[in-house]
C-alpha cells in the first residue's frame, strides 16, 4: 500500500478565497484517492 502526502501552504491575509478542508478532501477522493485525511496546525 502506497501512502501519499500533500503539503499545502497558503497565505490568507484578507480572508477571501478560502478553501474548506472538506472540499479539498472531496477533490482528492474524486481523483481516486482512498482514505483521505487532513491535518491542520
Protein backbone atom coordinates (compact mmCIF):
# COMPACT_ATOMS: atom_id res chain seq x y z
CA UNK A 1 0.00 0.00 0.00
CA UNK A 2 1.40 3.39 -1.00
CA UNK A 3 0.99 6.48 1.14
CA UNK A 4 0.96 9.95 -0.41
CA UNK A 5 1.32 13.22 1.47
CA UNK A 6 0.36 16.59 0.09
CA UNK A 7 1.80 19.67 1.80
CA UNK A 8 -0.10 22.85 1.07
CA UNK A 9 0.94 26.31 2.14
CA UNK A 10 -1.24 29.32 1.79
CA UNK A 11 -1.17 32.92 2.82
CA UNK A 12 -4.60 34.25 3.61
CA UNK A 13 -4.27 37.85 4.75
CA UNK A 14 -7.67 39.17 3.73
CA UNK A 15 -9.76 36.07 4.48
CA UNK A 16 -11.00 35.81 0.89
CA UNK A 17 -10.82 32.74 -1.36
CA UNK A 18 -10.71 30.24 1.49
CA UNK A 19 -10.74 26.53 0.64
CA UNK A 20 -12.57 24.36 3.15
CA UNK A 21 -10.80 21.15 4.08
CA UNK A 22 -13.90 19.10 3.29
CA UNK A 23 -13.86 20.48 -0.28
CA UNK A 24 -10.17 19.66 -0.62
CA UNK A 25 -10.79 16.17 0.73
CA UNK A 26 -13.62 15.64 -1.78
CA UNK A 27 -11.34 16.78 -4.62
CA UNK A 28 -8.73 14.16 -3.71
CA UNK A 29 -11.42 11.47 -3.41
CA UNK A 30 -12.76 12.43 -6.86
CA UNK A 31 -9.22 11.95 -8.18
CA UNK A 32 -9.39 8.35 -6.96
CA UNK A 33 -7.53 8.52 -3.67
CA UNK A 34 -8.90 6.46 -0.79
CA UNK A 35 -8.94 7.09 2.96
CA UNK A 36 -8.17 10.81 2.56
CA UNK A 37 -7.39 12.63 5.80
CA UNK A 38 -6.36 16.18 6.60
CA UNK A 39 -4.49 17.79 9.45
CA UNK A 40 -4.46 21.49 10.27
CA UNK A 41 -1.81 23.02 12.52
